Amino acid sequence: MKKYFIQKSPFVVPTTDGKLIEEHHGVTTNNKEISIAHMIAPPGWSEPFQTPEFDEYTYIIKGKKQFIIEDEIVVLETGQSIKIEKNTRIQYSNPFEEPCEYLAICQPAFTIESVHREE
């Protein structure tokens, strides 16, 4: 029995906002401990505020991404990363003119039930 798993076909999460989400590991691979996703947020993209039940790490591969953490605006650029602790109110967006490519790692794994997006 192999003690490793190579992800060759990540789950592409259906979206309606133009954002690409490829989940490599997480709930779709029966892993509730951690999720790892490759994402590309198009220019002008944003999502509602949320208060997740998981820690989230973001690494910017290319471009810039804006975070509103509680009441503070933080902008990350290529090569930078951030850890946002669980139960923190946050909004993610890309108000810039270029796409933002990044990795998102959630621990425990992201679920729609545990992200608590505001309507």
PDB file of N, CA and C in Angstrom:
ATOM      1  N   MET A   1       0.835  -1.185   0.000  1.00  0.00           N
ATOM      2  CA  MET A   1       0.000   0.000   0.000  1.00  0.00           C
ATOM      3  C   MET A   1       0.884   1.254   0.000  1.00  0.00           C
ATOM      4  N   LYS A   2       0.573   2.171  -0.880  1.00  0.00           N
ATOM      5  CA  LYS A   2       1.346   3.406  -0.982  1.00  0.00           C
ATOM      6  C   LYS A   2       1.071   4.318   0.204  1.00  0.00           C
ATOM      7  N   LYS A   3       2.114   5.005   0.620  1.00  0.00           N
ATOM      8  CA  LYS A   3       2.002   5.939   1.741  1.00  0.00           C
ATOM      9  C   LYS A   3       1.989   7.373   1.250  1.00  0.00           C
ATOM     10  N   TYR A   4       1.556   7.561   0.004  1.00  0.00           N
ATOM     11  CA  TYR A   4       1.431   8.900  -0.553  1.00  0.00           C
ATOM     12  C   TYR A   4       0.318   8.929  -1.590  1.00  0.00           C
ATOM     13  N   PHE A   5      -0.127  10.128  -1.908  1.00  0.00           N
ATOM     14  CA  PHE A   5      -1.177  10.338  -2.902  1.00  0.00           C
ATOM     15  C   PHE A   5      -0.802  11.539  -3.737  1.00  0.00           C
ATOM     16  N   ILE A   6      -0.665  11.354  -5.033  1.00  0.00           N
ATOM     17  CA  ILE A   6      -0.366  12.455  -5.941  1.00  0.00           C
ATOM     18  C   ILE A   6      -1.678  12.943  -6.534  1.00  0.00           C
ATOM     19  N   GLN A   7      -1.969  14.206  -6.338  1.00  0.00           N
ATOM     20  CA  GLN A   7      -3.203  14.793  -6.868  1.00  0.00           C
ATOM     21  C   GLN A   7      -2.947  15.231  -8.310  1.00  0.00           C
ATOM     22  N   LYS A   8      -3.583  14.546  -9.238  1.00  0.00           N
ATOM     23  CA  LYS A   8      -3.410  14.857 -10.659  1.00  0.00           C
ATOM     24  C   LYS A   8      -4.614  15.559 -11.249  1.00  0.00           C
ATOM     25  N   SER A   9      -5.722  15.509 -10.548  1.00  0.00           N
ATOM     26  CA  SER A   9      -6.933  16.156 -11.070  1.00  0.00           C
ATOM     27  C   SER A   9      -7.699  16.813  -9.927  1.00  0.00           C
ATOM     28  N   PRO A  10      -7.272  18.008  -9.524  1.00  0.00           N
ATOM     29  CA  PRO A  10      -7.950  18.698  -8.419  1.00  0.00           C
ATOM     30  C   PRO A  10      -9.409  18.972  -8.756  1.00  0.00           C
ATOM     31  N   PHE A  11     -10.213  19.081  -7.705  1.00  0.00           N
ATOM     32  CA  PHE A  11     -11.626  19.395  -7.855  1.00  0.00           C
ATOM     33  C   PHE A  11     -11.770  20.875  -8.169  1.00  0.00           C
ATOM     34  N   VAL A  12     -12.390  21.202  -9.297  1.00  0.00           N
ATOM     35  CA  VAL A  12     -12.639  22.595  -9.657  1.00  0.00           C
ATOM     36  C   VAL A  12     -13.996  22.980  -9.085  1.00  0.00           C
ATOM     37  N   VAL A  13     -13.960  23.883  -8.117  1.00  0.00           N
ATOM     38  CA  VAL A  13     -15.181  24.312  -7.427  1.00  0.00           C
ATOM     39  C   VAL A  13     -15.975  25.216  -8.368  1.00  0.00           C
ATOM     40  N   PRO A  14     -17.257  24.903  -8.584  1.00  0.00           N
ATOM     41  CA  PRO A  14     -18.074  25.771  -9.445  1.00  0.00           C
ATOM     42  C   PRO A  14     -18.254  27.149  -8.818  1.00  0.00           C
ATOM     43  N   THR A  15     -18.026  28.206  -9.606  1.00  0.00           N
ATOM     44  CA  THR A  15     -18.220  29.568  -9.118  1.00  0.00           C
ATOM     45  C   THR A  15     -19.032  30.370 -10.131  1.00  0.00           C
ATOM     46  N   THR A  16     -19.578  31.481  -9.674  1.00  0.00           N
ATOM     47  CA  THR A  16     -20.340  32.364 -10.569  1.00  0.00           C
ATOM     48  C   THR A  16     -19.696  33.740 -10.668  1.00  0.00           C
ATOM     49  N   ASP A  17     -18.505  33.904 -10.031  1.00  0.00           N
ATOM     50  CA  ASP A  17     -17.875  35.224  -9.983  1.00  0.00           C
ATOM     51  C   ASP A  17     -16.573  35.307 -10.778  1.00  0.00           C
ATOM     52  N   GLY A  18     -16.289  34.280 -11.593  1.00  0.00           N
ATOM     53  CA  GLY A  18     -15.087  34.299 -12.422  1.00  0.00           C
ATOM     54  C   GLY A  18     -13.830  33.828 -11.721  1.00  0.00           C
ATOM     55  N   LYS A  19     -13.916  33.461 -10.454  1.00  0.00           N
ATOM     56  CA  LYS A  19     -12.754  33.002  -9.700  1.00  0.00           C
ATOM     57  C   LYS A  19     -12.510  31.526  -9.965  1.00  0.00           C
ATOM     58  N   LEU A  20     -11.250  31.161 -10.207  1.00  0.00           N
ATOM     59  CA  LEU A  20     -10.868  29.761 -10.364  1.00  0.00           C
ATOM     60  C   LEU A  20     -10.469  29.225  -9.002  1.00  0.00           C
ATOM     61  N   ILE A  21     -11.083  28.108  -8.599  1.00  0.00           N
ATOM     62  CA  ILE A  21     -10.730  27.436  -7.346  1.00  0.00           C
ATOM     63  C   ILE A  21     -10.474  25.972  -7.674  1.00  0.00           C
ATOM     64  N   GLU A  22      -9.228  25.542  -7.498  1.00  0.00           N
ATOM     65  CA  GLU A  22      -8.855  24.141  -7.687  1.00  0.00           C
ATOM     66  C   GLU A  22      -8.446  23.581  -6.328  1.00  0.00           C
ATOM     67  N   GLU A  23      -9.308  22.741  -5.745  1.00  0.00           N
ATOM     68  CA  GLU A  23      -8.966  22.139  -4.453  1.00  0.00           C
ATOM     69  C   GLU A  23      -8.136  20.892  -4.698  1.00  0.00           C
ATOM     70  N   HIS A  24      -6.886  20.924  -4.243  1.00  0.00           N
ATOM     71  CA  HIS A  24      -5.976  19.791  -4.402  1.00  0.00           C
ATOM     72  C   HIS A  24      -6.157  18.783  -3.279  1.00  0.00           C
ATOM     73  N   HIS A  25      -6.307  19.278  -2.069  1.00  0.00           N
ATOM     74  CA  HIS A  25      -6.528  18.410  -0.914  1.00  0.00           C
ATOM     75  C   HIS A  25      -7.541  19.095  -0.021  1.00  0.00           C
ATOM     76  N   GLY A  26      -8.385  18.297   0.608  1.00  0.00           N
ATOM     77  CA  GLY A  26      -9.416  18.838   1.486  1.00  0.00           C
ATOM     78  C   GLY A  26     -10.595  17.885   1.541  1.00  0.00           C
ATOM     79  N   VAL A  27     -11.764  18.459   1.734  1.00  0.00           N
ATOM     80  CA  VAL A  27     -12.979  17.658   1.873  1.00  0.00           C
ATOM     81  C   VAL A  27     -13.189  16.752   0.654  1.00  0.00           C
ATOM     82  N   THR A  28     -12.821  17.255  -0.547  1.00  0.00           N
ATOM     83  CA  THR A  28     -13.021  16.454  -1.758  1.00  0.00           C
ATOM     84  C   THR A  28     -12.092  15.242  -1.832  1.00  0.00           C
ATOM     85  N   THR A  29     -11.018  15.238  -1.019  1.00  0.00           N
ATOM     86  CA  THR A  29     -10.138  14.067  -0.951  1.00  0.00           C
ATOM     87  C   THR A  29     -10.259  13.390   0.426  1.00  0.00           C
ATOM     88  N   ASN A  30     -11.395  13.614   1.073  1.00  0.00           N
ATOM     89  CA  ASN A  30     -11.693  13.025   2.388  1.00  0.00           C
ATOM     90  C   ASN A  30     -10.678  13.434   3.456  1.00  0.00           C
ATOM     91  N   ASN A  31     -10.185  14.656   3.369  1.00  0.00           N
ATOM     92  CA  ASN A  31      -9.256  15.169   4.364  1.00  0.00           C
ATOM     93  C   ASN A  31      -9.932  16.334   5.083  1.00  0.00           C
ATOM     94  N   LYS A  32     -10.304  16.110   6.329  1.00  0.00           N
ATOM     95  CA  LYS A  32     -10.965  17.155   7.110  1.00  0.00           C
ATOM     96  C   LYS A  32      -9.974  17.987   7.908  1.00  0.00           C
ATOM     97  N   GLU A  33      -8.704  17.575   7.929  1.00  0.00           N
ATOM     98  CA  GLU A  33      -7.683  18.248   8.733  1.00  0.00           C
ATOM     99  C   GLU A  33      -7.142  19.508   8.061  1.00  0.00           C
ATOM    100  N   ILE A  34      -7.029  19.486   6.714  1.00  0.00           N
ATOM    101  CA  ILE A  34      -6.400  20.598   6.001  1.00  0.00           C
ATOM    102  C   ILE A  34      -6.951  20.651   4.583  1.00  0.00           C
ATOM    103  N   SER A  35      -7.029  21.841   4.026  1.00  0.00           N
ATOM    104  CA  SER A  35      -7.354  21.964   2.611  1.00  0.00           C
ATOM    105  C   SER A  35      -6.308  22.854   1.955  1.00  0.00           C
ATOM    106  N   ILE A  36      -5.958  22.491   0.728  1.00  0.00           N
ATOM    107  CA  ILE A  36      -4.988  23.251  -0.051  1.00  0.00           C
ATOM    108  C   ILE A  36      -5.617  23.524  -1.405  1.00  0.00           C
ATOM    109  N   ALA A  37      -5.718  24.802  -1.763  1.00  0.00           N
ATOM    110  CA  ALA A  37      -6.355  25.174  -3.022  1.00  0.00           C
ATOM    111  C   ALA A  37      -5.502  26.187  -3.780  1.00  0.00           C
ATOM    112  N   HIS A  38      -5.485  26.018  -5.085  1.00  0.00           N
ATOM    113  CA  HIS A  38      -4.858  26.974  -6.003  1.00  0.00           C
ATOM    114  C   HIS A  38      -5.979  27.849  -6.531  1.00  0.00           C
ATOM    115  N   MET A  39      -5.791  29.164  -6.496  1.00  0.00           N
ATOM    116  CA  MET A  39      -6.872  30.066  -6.896  1.00  0.00           C
ATOM    117  C   MET A  39      -6.360  31.185  -7.789  1.00  0.00           C
ATOM    118  N   ILE A  40      -7.246  31.657  -8.655  1.00  0.00           N
ATOM    119  CA  ILE A  40      -6.984  32.857  -9.436  1.00  0.00           C
ATOM    120  C   ILE A  40      -8.218  33.745  -9.328  1.00  0.00           C
ATOM    121  N   ALA A  41      -8.015  34.923  -8.711  1.00  0.00           N
ATOM    122  CA  ALA A  41      -9.103  35.894  -8.541  1.00  0.00           C
ATOM    123  C   ALA A  41      -8.980  36.939  -9.644  1.00  0.00           C
ATOM    124  N   PRO A  42     -10.030  37.103 -10.464  1.00  0.00           N
ATOM    125  CA  PRO A  42      -9.956  38.073 -11.552  1.00  0.00           C
ATOM    126  C   PRO A  42      -9.980  39.513 -11.035  1.00  0.00           C
ATOM    127  N   PRO A  43      -9.549  40.464 -11.860  1.00  0.00           N
ATOM    128  CA  PRO A  43      -9.630  41.875 -11.468  1.00  0.00           C
ATOM    129  C   PRO A  43     -11.068  42.247 -11.094  1.00  0.00           C
ATOM    130  N   GLY A  44     -11.220  43.016 -10.020  1.00  0.00           N
ATOM    131  CA  GLY A  44     -12.545  43.459  -9.599  1.00  0.00           C
ATOM    132  C   GLY A  44     -13.307  42.461  -8.752  1.00  0.00           C
ATOM    133  N   TRP A  45     -12.746  41.295  -8.500  1.00  0.00           N
ATOM    134  CA  TRP A  45     -13.424  40.248  -7.727  1.00  0.00           C
ATOM    135  C   TRP A  45     -13.474  40.606  -6.240  1.00  0.00           C
ATOM    136  N   SER A  46     -14.566  40.220  -5.596  1.00  0.00           N
ATOM    137  CA  SER A  46     -14.646  40.301  -4.135  1.00  0.00           C
ATOM    138  C   SER A  46     -15.683  39.304  -3.658  1.00  0.00           C
ATOM    139  N   GLU A  47     -15.620  38.976  -2.378  1.00  0.00           N
ATOM    140  CA  GLU A  47     -16.642  38.112  -1.784  1.00  0.00           C
ATOM    141  C   GLU A  47     -17.102  38.736  -0.482  1.00  0.00           C
ATOM    142  N   PRO A  48     -18.217  38.263   0.052  1.00  0.00           N
ATOM    143  CA  PRO A  48     -18.750  38.862   1.287  1.00  0.00           C
ATOM    144  C   PRO A  48     -17.813  38.650   2.478  1.00  0.00           C
ATOM    145  N   PHE A  49     -18.007  39.453   3.510  1.00  0.00           N
ATOM    146  CA  PHE A  49     -17.298  39.219   4.763  1.00  0.00           C
ATOM    147  C   PHE A  49     -17.636  37.829   5.277  1.00  0.00           C
ATOM    148  N   GLN A  50     -16.703  37.245   6.016  1.00  0.00           N
ATOM    149  CA  GLN A  50     -16.902  35.927   6.607  1.00  0.00           C
ATOM    150  C   GLN A  50     -16.141  35.859   7.923  1.00  0.00           C
ATOM    151  N   THR A  51     -16.530  34.892   8.761  1.00  0.00           N
ATOM    152  CA  THR A  51     -15.845  34.657  10.035  1.00  0.00           C
ATOM    153  C   THR A  51     -15.625  33.153  10.157  1.00  0.00           C
ATOM    154  N   PRO A  52     -14.562  32.636   9.516  1.00  0.00           N
ATOM    155  CA  PRO A  52     -14.363  31.193   9.434  1.00  0.00           C
ATOM    156  C   PRO A  52     -13.961  30.531  10.745  1.00  0.00           C
ATOM    157  N   GLU A  53     -14.272  29.248  10.841  1.00  0.00           N
ATOM    158  CA  GLU A  53     -13.896  28.418  11.989  1.00  0.00           C
ATOM    159  C   GLU A  53     -12.554  27.734  11.752  1.00  0.00           C
ATOM    160  N   PHE A  54     -11.734  28.245  10.841  1.00  0.00           N
ATOM    161  CA  PHE A  54     -10.443  27.637  10.534  1.00  0.00           C
ATOM    162  C   PHE A  54      -9.388  28.725  10.375  1.00  0.00           C
ATOM    163  N   ASP A  55      -8.137  28.366  10.642  1.00  0.00           N
ATOM    164  CA  ASP A  55      -7.016  29.246  10.325  1.00  0.00           C
ATOM    165  C   ASP A  55      -6.832  29.199   8.814  1.00  0.00           C
ATOM    166  N   GLU A  56      -6.499  30.346   8.212  1.00  0.00           N
ATOM    167  CA  GLU A  56      -6.269  30.368   6.773  1.00  0.00           C
ATOM    168  C   GLU A  56      -4.933  31.031   6.469  1.00  0.00           C
ATOM    169  N   TYR A  57      -4.143  30.318   5.692  1.00  0.00           N
ATOM    170  CA  TYR A  57      -2.853  30.815   5.221  1.00  0.00           C
ATOM    171  C   TYR A  57      -3.004  31.134   3.735  1.00  0.00           C
ATOM    172  N   THR A  58      -2.469  32.264   3.294  1.00  0.00           N
ATOM    173  CA  THR A  58      -2.517  32.647   1.887  1.00  0.00           C
ATOM    174  C   THR A  58      -1.104  33.001   1.443  1.00  0.00           C
ATOM    175  N   TYR A  59      -0.697  32.442   0.294  1.00  0.00           N
ATOM    176  CA  TYR A  59       0.587  32.768  -0.320  1.00  0.00           C
ATOM    177  C   TYR A  59       0.319  33.323  -1.712  1.00  0.00           C
ATOM    178  N   ILE A  60       0.806  34.535  -1.987  1.00  0.00           N
ATOM    179  CA  ILE A  60       0.559  35.188  -3.274  1.00  0.00           C
ATOM    180  C   ILE A  60       1.630  34.750  -4.279  1.00  0.00           C
ATOM    181  N   ILE A  61       1.187  34.055  -5.334  1.00  0.00           N
ATOM    182  CA  ILE A  61       2.083  33.606  -6.395  1.00  0.00           C
ATOM    183  C   ILE A  61       2.334  34.747  -7.374  1.00  0.00           C
ATOM    184  N   LYS A  62       1.261  35.454  -7.726  1.00  0.00           N
ATOM    185  CA  LYS A  62       1.373  36.526  -8.719  1.00  0.00           C
ATOM    186  C   LYS A  62       0.248  37.533  -8.495  1.00  0.00           C
ATOM    187  N   GLY A  63       0.568  38.817  -8.567  1.00  0.00           N
ATOM    188  CA  GLY A  63      -0.443  39.862  -8.422  1.00  0.00           C
ATOM    189  C   GLY A  63      -0.544  40.368  -6.997  1.00  0.00           C
ATOM    190  N   LYS A  64      -1.709  40.952  -6.685  1.00  0.00           N
ATOM    191  CA  LYS A  64      -1.976  41.510  -5.360  1.00  0.00           C
ATOM    192  C   LYS A  64      -3.372  41.089  -4.917  1.00  0.00           C
ATOM    193  N   LYS A  65      -3.553  40.986  -3.605  1.00  0.00           N
ATOM    194  CA  LYS A  65      -4.850  40.632  -3.028  1.00  0.00           C
ATOM    195  C   LYS A  65      -5.089  41.520  -1.819  1.00  0.00           C
ATOM    196  N   GLN A  66      -6.330  41.999  -1.702  1.00  0.00           N
ATOM    197  CA  GLN A  66      -6.695  42.857  -0.570  1.00  0.00           C
ATOM    198  C   GLN A  66      -7.468  42.060   0.469  1.00  0.00           C
ATOM    199  N   PHE A  67      -7.138  42.318   1.724  1.00  0.00           N
ATOM    200  CA  PHE A  67      -7.802  41.703   2.871  1.00  0.00           C
ATOM    201  C   PHE A  67      -8.334  42.836   3.738  1.00  0.00           C
ATOM    202  N   ILE A  68      -9.584  42.746   4.160  1.00  0.00           N
ATOM    203  CA  ILE A  68     -10.072  43.626   5.227  1.00  0.00           C
ATOM    204  C   ILE A  68     -10.220  42.713   6.438  1.00  0.00           C
ATOM    205  N   ILE A  69      -9.312  42.897   7.407  1.00  0.00           N
ATOM    206  CA  ILE A  69      -9.249  42.042   8.587  1.00  0.00           C
ATOM    207  C   ILE A  69      -9.774  42.868   9.750  1.00  0.00           C
ATOM    208  N   GLU A  70     -10.956  42.468  10.257  1.00  0.00           N
ATOM    209  CA  GLU A  70     -11.688  43.284  11.231  1.00  0.00           C
ATOM    210  C   GLU A  70     -11.923  44.639  10.557  1.00  0.00           C
ATOM    211  N   ASP A  71     -11.201  45.695  10.935  1.00  0.00           N
ATOM    212  CA  ASP A  71     -11.387  47.006  10.293  1.00  0.00           C
ATOM    213  C   ASP A  71     -10.136  47.497   9.579  1.00  0.00           C
ATOM    214  N   GLU A  72      -9.136  46.635   9.436  1.00  0.00           N
ATOM    215  CA  GLU A  72      -7.857  47.036   8.854  1.00  0.00           C
ATOM    216  C   GLU A  72      -7.708  46.514   7.426  1.00  0.00           C
ATOM    217  N   ILE A  73      -7.277  47.377   6.513  1.00  0.00           N
ATOM    218  CA  ILE A  73      -7.026  46.969   5.126  1.00  0.00           C
ATOM    219  C   ILE A  73      -5.560  46.567   4.995  1.00  0.00           C
ATOM    220  N   VAL A  74      -5.343  45.345   4.484  1.00  0.00           N
ATOM    221  CA  VAL A  74      -4.004  44.807   4.268  1.00  0.00           C
ATOM    222  C   VAL A  74      -3.922  44.376   2.809  1.00  0.00           C
ATOM    223  N   VAL A  75      -2.830  44.730   2.120  1.00  0.00           N
ATOM    224  CA  VAL A  75      -2.624  44.312   0.735  1.00  0.00           C
ATOM    225  C   VAL A  75      -1.357  43.468   0.679  1.00  0.00           C
ATOM    226  N   LEU A  76      -1.493  42.240   0.145  1.00  0.00           N
ATOM    227  CA  LEU A  76      -0.349  41.364  -0.059  1.00  0.00           C
ATOM    228  C   LEU A  76       0.039  41.376  -1.522  1.00  0.00           C
ATOM    229  N   GLU A  77       1.343  41.263  -1.786  1.00  0.00           N
ATOM    230  CA  GLU A  77       1.873  41.252  -3.140  1.00  0.00           C
ATOM    231  C   GLU A  77       2.633  39.958  -3.390  1.00  0.00           C
ATOM    232  N   THR A  78       3.027  39.744  -4.634  1.00  0.00           N
ATOM    233  CA  THR A  78       3.766  38.557  -5.045  1.00  0.00           C
ATOM    234  C   THR A  78       4.870  38.209  -4.050  1.00  0.00           C
ATOM    235  N   GLY A  79       4.900  36.941  -3.635  1.00  0.00           N
ATOM    236  CA  GLY A  79       5.944  36.455  -2.741  1.00  0.00           C
ATOM    237  C   GLY A  79       5.658  36.641  -1.270  1.00  0.00           C
ATOM    238  N   GLN A  80       4.543  37.293  -0.922  1.00  0.00           N
ATOM    239  CA  GLN A  80       4.202  37.500   0.487  1.00  0.00           C
ATOM    240  C   GLN A  80       3.141  36.484   0.916  1.00  0.00           C
ATOM    241  N   SER A  81       3.073  36.254   2.224  1.00  0.00           N
ATOM    242  CA  SER A  81       2.065  35.338   2.769  1.00  0.00           C
ATOM    243  C   SER A  81       1.522  35.893   4.073  1.00  0.00           C
ATOM    244  N   ILE A  82       0.402  35.317   4.495  1.00  0.00           N
ATOM    245  CA  ILE A  82      -0.267  35.764   5.719  1.00  0.00           C
ATOM    246  C   ILE A  82      -0.965  34.574   6.366  1.00  0.00           C
ATOM    247  N   LYS A  83      -1.066  34.614   7.675  1.00  0.00           N
ATOM    248  CA  LYS A  83      -1.908  33.669   8.416  1.00  0.00           C
ATOM    249  C   LYS A  83      -2.983  34.483   9.103  1.00  0.00           C
ATOM    250  N   ILE A  84      -4.228  34.080   8.917  1.00  0.00           N
ATOM    251  CA  ILE A  84      -5.357  34.737   9.576  1.00  0.00           C
ATOM    252  C   ILE A  84      -5.989  33.708  10.509  1.00  0.00           C
ATOM    253  N   GLU A  85      -6.075  34.063  11.771  1.00  0.00           N
ATOM    254  CA  GLU A  85      -6.575  33.128  12.775  1.00  0.00           C
ATOM    255  C   GLU A  85      -8.075  32.918  12.656  1.00  0.00           C
ATOM    256  N   LYS A  86      -8.509  31.720  13.021  1.00  0.00           N
ATOM    257  CA  LYS A  86      -9.936  31.386  12.983  1.00  0.00           C
ATOM    258  C   LYS A  86     -10.736  32.366  13.826  1.00  0.00           C
ATOM    259  N   ASN A  87     -12.004  32.480  13.498  1.00  0.00           N
ATOM    260  CA  ASN A  87     -12.939  33.365  14.196  1.00  0.00           C
ATOM    261  C   ASN A  87     -12.577  34.846  14.044  1.00  0.00           C
ATOM    262  N   THR A  88     -11.917  35.190  12.938  1.00  0.00           N
ATOM    263  CA  THR A  88     -11.592  36.572  12.604  1.00  0.00           C
ATOM    264  C   THR A  88     -12.495  37.007  11.455  1.00  0.00           C
ATOM    265  N   ARG A  89     -13.132  38.146  11.584  1.00  0.00           N
ATOM    266  CA  ARG A  89     -13.997  38.662  10.509  1.00  0.00           C
ATOM    267  C   ARG A  89     -13.114  39.224   9.403  1.00  0.00           C
ATOM    268  N   ILE A  90     -13.341  38.748   8.182  1.00  0.00           N
ATOM    269  CA  ILE A  90     -12.468  39.103   7.072  1.00  0.00           C
ATOM    270  C   ILE A  90     -13.230  39.178   5.757  1.00  0.00           C
ATOM    271  N   GLN A  91     -12.725  40.021   4.871  1.00  0.00           N
ATOM    272  CA  GLN A  91     -13.233  40.055   3.496  1.00  0.00           C
ATOM    273  C   GLN A  91     -12.034  39.999   2.562  1.00  0.00           C
ATOM    274  N   TYR A  92     -12.150  39.152   1.530  1.00  0.00           N
ATOM    275  CA  TYR A  92     -11.111  39.006   0.516  1.00  0.00           C
ATOM    276  C   TYR A  92     -11.572  39.684  -0.770  1.00  0.00           C
ATOM    277  N   SER A  93     -10.619  40.345  -1.470  1.00  0.00           N
ATOM    278  CA  SER A  93     -10.986  40.949  -2.752  1.00  0.00           C
ATOM    279  C   SER A  93      -9.739  41.191  -3.602  1.00  0.00           C
ATOM    280  N   ASN A  94      -9.983  41.443  -4.875  1.00  0.00           N
ATOM    281  CA  ASN A  94      -8.939  41.851  -5.812  1.00  0.00           C
ATOM    282  C   ASN A  94      -9.447  43.094  -6.541  1.00  0.00           C
ATOM    283  N   PRO A  95      -9.277  44.287  -5.938  1.00  0.00           N
ATOM    284  CA  PRO A  95      -9.739  45.515  -6.575  1.00  0.00           C
ATOM    285  C   PRO A  95      -8.745  46.056  -7.602  1.00  0.00           C
ATOM    286  N   PHE A  96      -7.744  45.253  -7.934  1.00  0.00           N
ATOM    287  CA  PHE A  96      -6.652  45.704  -8.798  1.00  0.00           C
ATOM    288  C   PHE A  96      -6.918  45.326 -10.256  1.00  0.00           C
ATOM    289  N   GLU A  97      -6.033  45.769 -11.157  1.00  0.00           N
ATOM    290  CA  GLU A  97      -6.259  45.600 -12.598  1.00  0.00           C
ATOM    291  C   GLU A  97      -5.737  44.281 -13.147  1.00  0.00           C
ATOM    292  N   GLU A  98      -4.958  43.543 -12.350  1.00  0.00           N
ATOM    293  CA  GLU A  98      -4.394  42.273 -12.796  1.00  0.00           C
ATOM    294  C   GLU A  98      -5.007  41.124 -11.985  1.00  0.00           C
ATOM    295  N   PRO A  99      -5.079  39.928 -12.576  1.00  0.00           N
ATOM    296  CA  PRO A  99      -5.527  38.768 -11.796  1.00  0.00           C
ATOM    297  C   PRO A  99      -4.570  38.511 -10.630  1.00  0.00           C
ATOM    298  N   CYS A 100      -5.064  37.872  -9.589  1.00  0.00           N
ATOM    299  CA  CYS A 100      -4.236  37.476  -8.446  1.00  0.00           C
ATOM    300  C   CYS A 100      -4.244  35.960  -8.354  1.00  0.00           C
ATOM    301  N   GLU A 101      -3.059  35.366  -8.466  1.00  0.00           N
ATOM    302  CA  GLU A 101      -2.916  33.914  -8.343  1.00  0.00           C
ATOM    303  C   GLU A 101      -2.328  33.616  -6.974  1.00  0.00           C
ATOM    304  N   TYR A 102      -2.931  32.667  -6.254  1.00  0.00           N
ATOM    305  CA  TYR A 102      -2.467  32.402  -4.897  1.00  0.00           C
ATOM    306  C   TYR A 102      -2.817  30.991  -4.449  1.00  0.00           C
ATOM    307  N   LEU A 103      -2.179  30.575  -3.359  1.00  0.00           N
ATOM    308  CA  LEU A 103      -2.506  29.326  -2.684  1.00  0.00           C
ATOM    309  C   LEU A 103      -3.196  29.665  -1.379  1.00  0.00           C
ATOM    310  N   ALA A 104      -4.240  28.914  -1.062  1.00  0.00           N
ATOM    311  CA  ALA A 104      -4.936  29.068   0.215  1.00  0.00           C
ATOM    312  C   ALA A 104      -4.890  27.720   0.938  1.00  0.00           C
ATOM    313  N   ILE A 105      -4.491  27.767   2.197  1.00  0.00           N
ATOM    314  CA  ILE A 105      -4.408  26.571   3.022  1.00  0.00           C
ATOM    315  C   ILE A 105      -5.266  26.827   4.252  1.00  0.00           C
ATOM    316  N   CYS A 106      -6.230  25.960   4.483  1.00  0.00           N
ATOM    317  CA  CYS A 106      -7.140  26.111   5.627  1.00  0.00           C
ATOM    318  C   CYS A 106      -6.961  24.921   6.561  1.00  0.00           C
ATOM    319  N   GLN A 107      -6.935  25.231   7.874  1.00  0.00           N
ATOM    320  CA  GLN A 107      -6.766  24.183   8.874  1.00  0.00           C
ATOM    321  C   GLN A 107      -7.674  24.447  10.053  1.00  0.00           C
ATOM    322  N   PRO A 108      -8.654  23.579  10.338  1.00  0.00           N
ATOM    323  CA  PRO A 108      -9.023  22.394   9.558  1.00  0.00           C
ATOM    324  C   PRO A 108      -9.541  22.776   8.166  1.00  0.00           C
ATOM    325  N   ALA A 109      -9.872  21.794   7.380  1.00  0.00           N
ATOM    326  CA  ALA A 109     -10.243  22.011   5.985  1.00  0.00           C
ATOM    327  C   ALA A 109     -11.449  22.939   5.836  1.00  0.00           C
ATOM    328  N   PHE A 110     -11.417  23.708   4.734  1.00  0.00           N
ATOM    329  CA  PHE A 110     -12.533  24.584   4.368  1.00  0.00           C
ATOM    330  C   PHE A 110     -13.796  23.757   4.138  1.00  0.00           C
ATOM    331  N   THR A 111     -14.897  24.239   4.681  1.00  0.00           N
ATOM    332  CA  THR A 111     -16.220  23.743   4.294  1.00  0.00           C
ATOM    333  C   THR A 111     -17.138  24.959   4.184  1.00  0.00           C
ATOM    334  N   ILE A 112     -18.155  24.851   3.369  1.00  0.00           N
ATOM    335  CA  ILE A 112     -19.095  25.960   3.215  1.00  0.00           C
ATOM    336  C   ILE A 112     -19.836  26.227   4.534  1.00  0.00           C
ATOM    337  N   GLU A 113     -19.987  25.172   5.346  1.00  0.00           N
ATOM    338  CA  GLU A 113     -20.677  25.321   6.637  1.00  0.00           C
ATOM    339  C   GLU A 113     -19.808  26.035   7.675  1.00  0.00           C
ATOM    340  N   SER A 114     -18.487  25.935   7.545  1.00  0.00           N
ATOM    341  CA  SER A 114     -17.613  26.507   8.576  1.00  0.00           C
ATOM    342  C   SER A 114     -17.046  27.875   8.219  1.00  0.00           C
ATOM    343  N   VAL A 115     -17.375  28.394   7.018  1.00  0.00           N
ATOM    344  CA  VAL A 115     -16.813  29.685   6.602  1.00  0.00           C
ATOM    345  C   VAL A 115     -17.650  30.872   7.107  1.00  0.00           C
ATOM    346  N   HIS A 116     -18.946  30.651   7.307  1.00  0.00           N
ATOM    347  CA  HIS A 116     -19.858  31.675   7.844  1.00  0.00           C
ATOM    348  C   HIS A 116     -19.809  32.993   7.058  1.00  0.00           C
ATOM    349  N   ARG A 117     -20.113  32.889   5.758  1.00  0.00           N
ATOM    350  CA  ARG A 117     -20.183  34.091   4.902  1.00  0.00           C
ATOM    351  C   ARG A 117     -21.424  34.889   5.260  1.00  0.00           C
ATOM    352  N   GLU A 118     -21.259  36.211   5.241  1.00  0.00           N
ATOM    353  CA  GLU A 118     -22.390  37.103   5.491  1.00  0.00           C
ATOM    354  C   GLU A 118     -23.132  37.318   4.170  1.00  0.00           C
ATOM    355  N   GLU A 119     -24.421  37.534   4.261  1.00  0.00           N
ATOM    356  CA  GLU A 119     -25.227  37.747   3.044  1.00  0.00           C
ATOM    357  C   GLU A 119     -25.385  39.223   2.736  1.00  0.00           C
TER     358      GLU A 119
END
